Amino acid sequence: TLAAAFAQLERDLTSERTTAALSHKRSKGERVGHVPYGYKVASDGVRLLPVAPEQSVLERMRRWRTCGWSYGRIANQLDAADVPTRSGRPWHMYSVAVMLRRNSKRDAA
């Protein structure tokens, strides 16, 4: 029971430290969180800059989606064309859906 209590204490402290560190970065205006596909962080650590090859892939994905393709079909086509993901893993329909939704919101803003 004592070991479990110390383990819980350590988890709580780690959580508090992480929250404090992220809050500090936000207060300094630094970017916090993941960088979406199609972009990289500028040298100022805040702004997002487009990455041309990834933007081209996103445009292809949008075109295919407009033609009525399913997310799964788009993922399969990207894999068949040997289009790399950032992680080097195969494309997945869920990640395609998230990318297209995220980028459509960004384009609307």
N, C-alpha and C. Protein backbone atom coordinates (compact mmCIF):
# COMPACT_ATOMS: atom_id res chain seq x y z
N THR A 1 0.83 -1.19 0.00
CA THR A 1 0.00 0.00 0.00
C THR A 1 0.87 1.25 0.00
N LEU A 2 1.96 1.18 0.71
CA LEU A 2 2.86 2.32 0.79
C LEU A 2 3.48 2.61 -0.58
N ALA A 3 3.88 1.56 -1.30
CA ALA A 3 4.47 1.74 -2.63
C ALA A 3 3.45 2.36 -3.58
N ALA A 4 2.20 1.94 -3.48
CA ALA A 4 1.15 2.49 -4.33
C ALA A 4 0.93 3.97 -4.02
N ALA A 5 1.00 4.32 -2.74
CA ALA A 5 0.83 5.72 -2.34
C ALA A 5 1.95 6.58 -2.91
N PHE A 6 3.20 6.08 -2.85
CA PHE A 6 4.32 6.84 -3.40
C PHE A 6 4.22 6.95 -4.92
N ALA A 7 3.77 5.88 -5.56
CA ALA A 7 3.60 5.92 -7.00
C ALA A 7 2.55 6.97 -7.39
N GLN A 8 1.46 7.03 -6.65
CA GLN A 8 0.42 8.04 -6.92
C GLN A 8 0.95 9.45 -6.68
N LEU A 9 1.73 9.62 -5.62
CA LEU A 9 2.34 10.92 -5.33
C LEU A 9 3.24 11.35 -6.47
N GLU A 10 4.04 10.43 -6.98
CA GLU A 10 4.94 10.75 -8.09
C GLU A 10 4.16 11.12 -9.34
N ARG A 11 3.08 10.41 -9.63
CA ARG A 11 2.24 10.75 -10.79
C ARG A 11 1.65 12.16 -10.64
N ASP A 12 1.19 12.46 -9.43
CA ASP A 12 0.61 13.78 -9.18
C ASP A 12 1.65 14.88 -9.34
N LEU A 13 2.85 14.66 -8.82
CA LEU A 13 3.92 15.66 -8.95
C LEU A 13 4.32 15.86 -10.41
N THR A 14 4.41 14.77 -11.16
CA THR A 14 4.74 14.86 -12.58
C THR A 14 3.68 15.66 -13.33
N SER A 15 2.43 15.41 -13.01
CA SER A 15 1.34 16.14 -13.64
C SER A 15 1.42 17.63 -13.32
N GLU A 16 1.67 17.95 -12.07
CA GLU A 16 1.79 19.36 -11.67
C GLU A 16 2.95 20.05 -12.36
N ARG A 17 4.09 19.36 -12.44
CA ARG A 17 5.27 19.94 -13.11
C ARG A 17 5.00 20.17 -14.59
N THR A 18 4.35 19.22 -15.23
CA THR A 18 4.04 19.35 -16.65
C THR A 18 3.09 20.52 -16.88
N THR A 19 2.05 20.61 -16.07
CA THR A 19 1.09 21.70 -16.19
C THR A 19 1.78 23.05 -16.00
N ALA A 20 2.66 23.13 -15.03
CA ALA A 20 3.38 24.39 -14.76
C ALA A 20 4.30 24.75 -15.93
N ALA A 21 5.00 23.76 -16.47
CA ALA A 21 5.92 24.02 -17.58
C ALA A 21 5.17 24.49 -18.82
N LEU A 22 4.05 23.84 -19.13
CA LEU A 22 3.26 24.25 -20.30
C LEU A 22 2.66 25.64 -20.09
N SER A 23 2.21 25.92 -18.90
CA SER A 23 1.67 27.23 -18.58
C SER A 23 2.74 28.31 -18.75
N HIS A 24 3.94 28.01 -18.30
CA HIS A 24 5.06 28.96 -18.43
C HIS A 24 5.36 29.23 -19.91
N LYS A 25 5.39 28.16 -20.72
CA LYS A 25 5.64 28.35 -22.15
C LYS A 25 4.56 29.21 -22.79
N ARG A 26 3.31 28.94 -22.43
CA ARG A 26 2.20 29.73 -22.98
C ARG A 26 2.33 31.20 -22.59
N SER A 27 2.70 31.45 -21.33
CA SER A 27 2.81 32.83 -20.86
C SER A 27 3.92 33.59 -21.59
N LYS A 28 4.93 32.86 -22.09
CA LYS A 28 6.01 33.49 -22.85
C LYS A 28 5.67 33.58 -24.34
N GLY A 29 4.47 33.09 -24.71
CA GLY A 29 4.05 33.16 -26.10
C GLY A 29 4.60 32.04 -26.96
N GLU A 30 5.18 31.01 -26.34
CA GLU A 30 5.74 29.89 -27.10
C GLU A 30 4.64 28.91 -27.48
N ARG A 31 4.87 28.20 -28.56
CA ARG A 31 3.92 27.22 -29.04
C ARG A 31 3.94 25.99 -28.13
N VAL A 32 2.76 25.48 -27.85
CA VAL A 32 2.61 24.28 -27.03
C VAL A 32 1.72 23.32 -27.80
N GLY A 33 2.11 22.09 -27.88
CA GLY A 33 1.29 21.09 -28.55
C GLY A 33 1.93 20.61 -29.83
N HIS A 34 1.20 19.77 -30.50
CA HIS A 34 1.73 19.10 -31.67
C HIS A 34 1.63 20.01 -32.91
N VAL A 35 2.56 19.83 -33.82
CA VAL A 35 2.58 20.61 -35.06
C VAL A 35 1.83 19.81 -36.11
N PRO A 36 0.76 20.37 -36.67
CA PRO A 36 -0.05 19.61 -37.64
C PRO A 36 0.71 19.31 -38.93
N TYR A 37 0.30 18.20 -39.55
CA TYR A 37 0.87 17.81 -40.84
C TYR A 37 0.67 18.95 -41.83
N GLY A 38 1.73 19.25 -42.58
CA GLY A 38 1.66 20.33 -43.56
C GLY A 38 2.33 21.60 -43.07
N TYR A 39 2.79 21.59 -41.83
CA TYR A 39 3.39 22.79 -41.23
C TYR A 39 4.63 22.43 -40.41
N LYS A 40 5.46 23.44 -40.19
CA LYS A 40 6.57 23.34 -39.24
C LYS A 40 6.59 24.62 -38.42
N VAL A 41 7.24 24.57 -37.28
CA VAL A 41 7.32 25.74 -36.41
C VAL A 41 8.41 26.66 -36.92
N ALA A 42 8.10 27.95 -37.01
CA ALA A 42 9.08 28.95 -37.44
C ALA A 42 10.17 29.11 -36.39
N SER A 43 11.21 29.80 -36.75
CA SER A 43 12.34 29.97 -35.83
C SER A 43 11.96 30.75 -34.57
N ASP A 44 10.84 31.49 -34.62
CA ASP A 44 10.41 32.22 -33.43
C ASP A 44 9.74 31.30 -32.41
N GLY A 45 9.50 30.04 -32.80
CA GLY A 45 8.92 29.08 -31.88
C GLY A 45 7.42 29.21 -31.70
N VAL A 46 6.78 30.09 -32.47
CA VAL A 46 5.35 30.34 -32.31
C VAL A 46 4.58 30.09 -33.61
N ARG A 47 4.96 30.79 -34.65
CA ARG A 47 4.23 30.73 -35.92
C ARG A 47 4.41 29.38 -36.60
N LEU A 48 3.41 29.01 -37.39
CA LEU A 48 3.50 27.82 -38.21
C LEU A 48 3.76 28.22 -39.65
N LEU A 49 4.72 27.55 -40.27
CA LEU A 49 5.04 27.79 -41.66
C LEU A 49 4.65 26.58 -42.49
N PRO A 50 4.09 26.79 -43.68
CA PRO A 50 3.71 25.64 -44.51
C PRO A 50 4.94 24.89 -45.02
N VAL A 51 4.80 23.58 -45.13
CA VAL A 51 5.82 22.71 -45.71
C VAL A 51 5.29 22.28 -47.07
N ALA A 52 5.92 22.75 -48.14
CA ALA A 52 5.40 22.57 -49.49
C ALA A 52 5.06 21.12 -49.86
N PRO A 53 5.95 20.15 -49.65
CA PRO A 53 5.59 18.77 -50.04
C PRO A 53 4.37 18.24 -49.27
N GLU A 54 4.29 18.56 -47.98
CA GLU A 54 3.15 18.10 -47.18
C GLU A 54 1.88 18.84 -47.57
N GLN A 55 1.99 20.13 -47.91
CA GLN A 55 0.82 20.88 -48.38
C GLN A 55 0.29 20.28 -49.68
N SER A 56 1.21 19.81 -50.53
CA SER A 56 0.82 19.17 -51.78
C SER A 56 0.03 17.89 -51.50
N VAL A 57 0.46 17.12 -50.52
CA VAL A 57 -0.25 15.90 -50.14
C VAL A 57 -1.64 16.26 -49.60
N LEU A 58 -1.71 17.28 -48.77
CA LEU A 58 -3.00 17.70 -48.23
C LEU A 58 -3.94 18.14 -49.35
N GLU A 59 -3.42 18.84 -50.33
CA GLU A 59 -4.25 19.28 -51.45
C GLU A 59 -4.78 18.09 -52.23
N ARG A 60 -3.92 17.10 -52.44
CA ARG A 60 -4.36 15.88 -53.12
C ARG A 60 -5.47 15.18 -52.32
N MET A 61 -5.29 15.12 -51.01
CA MET A 61 -6.29 14.50 -50.14
C MET A 61 -7.63 15.25 -50.24
N ARG A 62 -7.58 16.58 -50.24
CA ARG A 62 -8.80 17.37 -50.35
C ARG A 62 -9.50 17.13 -51.69
N ARG A 63 -8.72 17.07 -52.75
CA ARG A 63 -9.29 16.82 -54.09
C ARG A 63 -9.99 15.47 -54.13
N TRP A 64 -9.32 14.45 -53.62
CA TRP A 64 -9.91 13.11 -53.62
C TRP A 64 -11.18 13.08 -52.77
N ARG A 65 -11.15 13.77 -51.64
CA ARG A 65 -12.33 13.79 -50.77
C ARG A 65 -13.50 14.49 -51.48
N THR A 66 -13.20 15.57 -52.20
CA THR A 66 -14.21 16.30 -52.96
C THR A 66 -14.83 15.40 -54.05
N CYS A 67 -14.02 14.50 -54.57
CA CYS A 67 -14.51 13.55 -55.59
C CYS A 67 -15.31 12.41 -54.96
N GLY A 68 -15.46 12.43 -53.66
CA GLY A 68 -16.28 11.41 -53.00
C GLY A 68 -15.51 10.22 -52.46
N TRP A 69 -14.19 10.28 -52.46
CA TRP A 69 -13.41 9.17 -51.94
C TRP A 69 -13.58 9.05 -50.43
N SER A 70 -13.58 7.83 -49.93
CA SER A 70 -13.63 7.61 -48.49
C SER A 70 -12.25 7.87 -47.89
N TYR A 71 -12.23 8.07 -46.59
CA TYR A 71 -10.94 8.28 -45.91
C TYR A 71 -10.05 7.05 -46.07
N GLY A 72 -10.64 5.88 -46.01
CA GLY A 72 -9.88 4.64 -46.18
C GLY A 72 -9.27 4.53 -47.57
N ARG A 73 -10.02 4.90 -48.58
CA ARG A 73 -9.51 4.85 -49.95
C ARG A 73 -8.36 5.84 -50.12
N ILE A 74 -8.49 7.02 -49.53
CA ILE A 74 -7.41 8.01 -49.61
C ILE A 74 -6.16 7.47 -48.93
N ALA A 75 -6.31 6.88 -47.75
CA ALA A 75 -5.16 6.31 -47.03
C ALA A 75 -4.50 5.22 -47.86
N ASN A 76 -5.30 4.34 -48.46
CA ASN A 76 -4.75 3.26 -49.29
C ASN A 76 -4.02 3.81 -50.50
N GLN A 77 -4.56 4.86 -51.11
CA GLN A 77 -3.93 5.46 -52.29
C GLN A 77 -2.59 6.09 -51.92
N LEU A 78 -2.54 6.77 -50.79
CA LEU A 78 -1.27 7.38 -50.34
C LEU A 78 -0.22 6.30 -50.07
N ASP A 79 -0.64 5.20 -49.45
CA ASP A 79 0.29 4.10 -49.21
C ASP A 79 0.77 3.50 -50.53
N ALA A 80 -0.16 3.29 -51.47
CA ALA A 80 0.20 2.70 -52.77
C ALA A 80 1.17 3.60 -53.53
N ALA A 81 1.04 4.91 -53.34
CA ALA A 81 1.92 5.86 -54.03
C ALA A 81 3.21 6.12 -53.25
N ASP A 82 3.41 5.38 -52.16
CA ASP A 82 4.61 5.53 -51.32
C ASP A 82 4.79 6.96 -50.80
N VAL A 83 3.68 7.61 -50.47
CA VAL A 83 3.74 8.94 -49.86
C VAL A 83 4.04 8.74 -48.38
N PRO A 84 5.13 9.31 -47.89
CA PRO A 84 5.51 9.06 -46.50
C PRO A 84 4.67 9.86 -45.50
N THR A 85 4.41 9.25 -44.37
CA THR A 85 3.86 9.98 -43.23
C THR A 85 5.05 10.52 -42.45
N ARG A 86 4.82 11.41 -41.51
CA ARG A 86 5.92 11.92 -40.71
C ARG A 86 6.57 10.82 -39.88
N SER A 87 5.76 9.89 -39.42
CA SER A 87 6.28 8.83 -38.55
C SER A 87 6.87 7.66 -39.34
N GLY A 88 6.61 7.61 -40.64
CA GLY A 88 7.09 6.50 -41.44
C GLY A 88 6.17 5.29 -41.41
N ARG A 89 5.08 5.39 -40.68
CA ARG A 89 4.11 4.29 -40.63
C ARG A 89 3.11 4.44 -41.77
N PRO A 90 2.33 3.38 -42.03
CA PRO A 90 1.31 3.49 -43.09
C PRO A 90 0.25 4.53 -42.74
N TRP A 91 -0.39 5.04 -43.77
CA TRP A 91 -1.50 5.97 -43.59
C TRP A 91 -2.68 5.22 -43.01
N HIS A 92 -3.49 5.89 -42.22
CA HIS A 92 -4.67 5.30 -41.63
C HIS A 92 -5.85 6.22 -41.91
N MET A 93 -7.02 5.63 -42.14
CA MET A 93 -8.18 6.45 -42.49
C MET A 93 -8.51 7.47 -41.41
N TYR A 94 -8.31 7.11 -40.14
CA TYR A 94 -8.60 8.05 -39.05
C TYR A 94 -7.68 9.27 -39.13
N SER A 95 -6.39 9.04 -39.38
CA SER A 95 -5.45 10.18 -39.45
C SER A 95 -5.76 11.06 -40.65
N VAL A 96 -6.18 10.46 -41.76
CA VAL A 96 -6.58 11.25 -42.94
C VAL A 96 -7.78 12.13 -42.58
N ALA A 97 -8.77 11.54 -41.91
CA ALA A 97 -9.97 12.29 -41.53
C ALA A 97 -9.61 13.46 -40.61
N VAL A 98 -8.76 13.20 -39.62
CA VAL A 98 -8.37 14.24 -38.68
C VAL A 98 -7.63 15.37 -39.40
N MET A 99 -6.70 15.00 -40.28
CA MET A 99 -5.93 16.01 -41.02
C MET A 99 -6.84 16.88 -41.88
N LEU A 100 -7.77 16.26 -42.58
CA LEU A 100 -8.65 17.03 -43.45
C LEU A 100 -9.57 17.93 -42.65
N ARG A 101 -10.08 17.44 -41.54
CA ARG A 101 -10.95 18.29 -40.70
C ARG A 101 -10.16 19.43 -40.09
N ARG A 102 -8.98 19.13 -39.58
CA ARG A 102 -8.15 20.15 -38.93
C ARG A 102 -7.77 21.24 -39.93
N ASN A 103 -7.37 20.84 -41.13
CA ASN A 103 -6.95 21.82 -42.12
C ASN A 103 -8.12 22.62 -42.67
N SER A 104 -9.30 22.02 -42.75
CA SER A 104 -10.45 22.79 -43.23
C SER A 104 -10.82 23.85 -42.21
N LYS A 105 -10.67 23.55 -40.91
CA LYS A 105 -10.92 24.57 -39.87
C LYS A 105 -9.88 25.68 -39.94
N ARG A 106 -8.63 25.30 -40.20
CA ARG A 106 -7.55 26.29 -40.27
C ARG A 106 -7.77 27.20 -41.47
N ASP A 107 -8.20 26.62 -42.60
CA ASP A 107 -8.44 27.42 -43.80
C ASP A 107 -9.61 28.37 -43.62
N ALA A 108 -10.60 27.96 -42.82
CA ALA A 108 -11.77 28.82 -42.58
C ALA A 108 -11.45 29.99 -41.66
N ALA A 109 -10.44 29.82 -40.82
CA ALA A 109 -10.09 30.87 -39.83
C ALA A 109 -9.29 31.99 -40.44
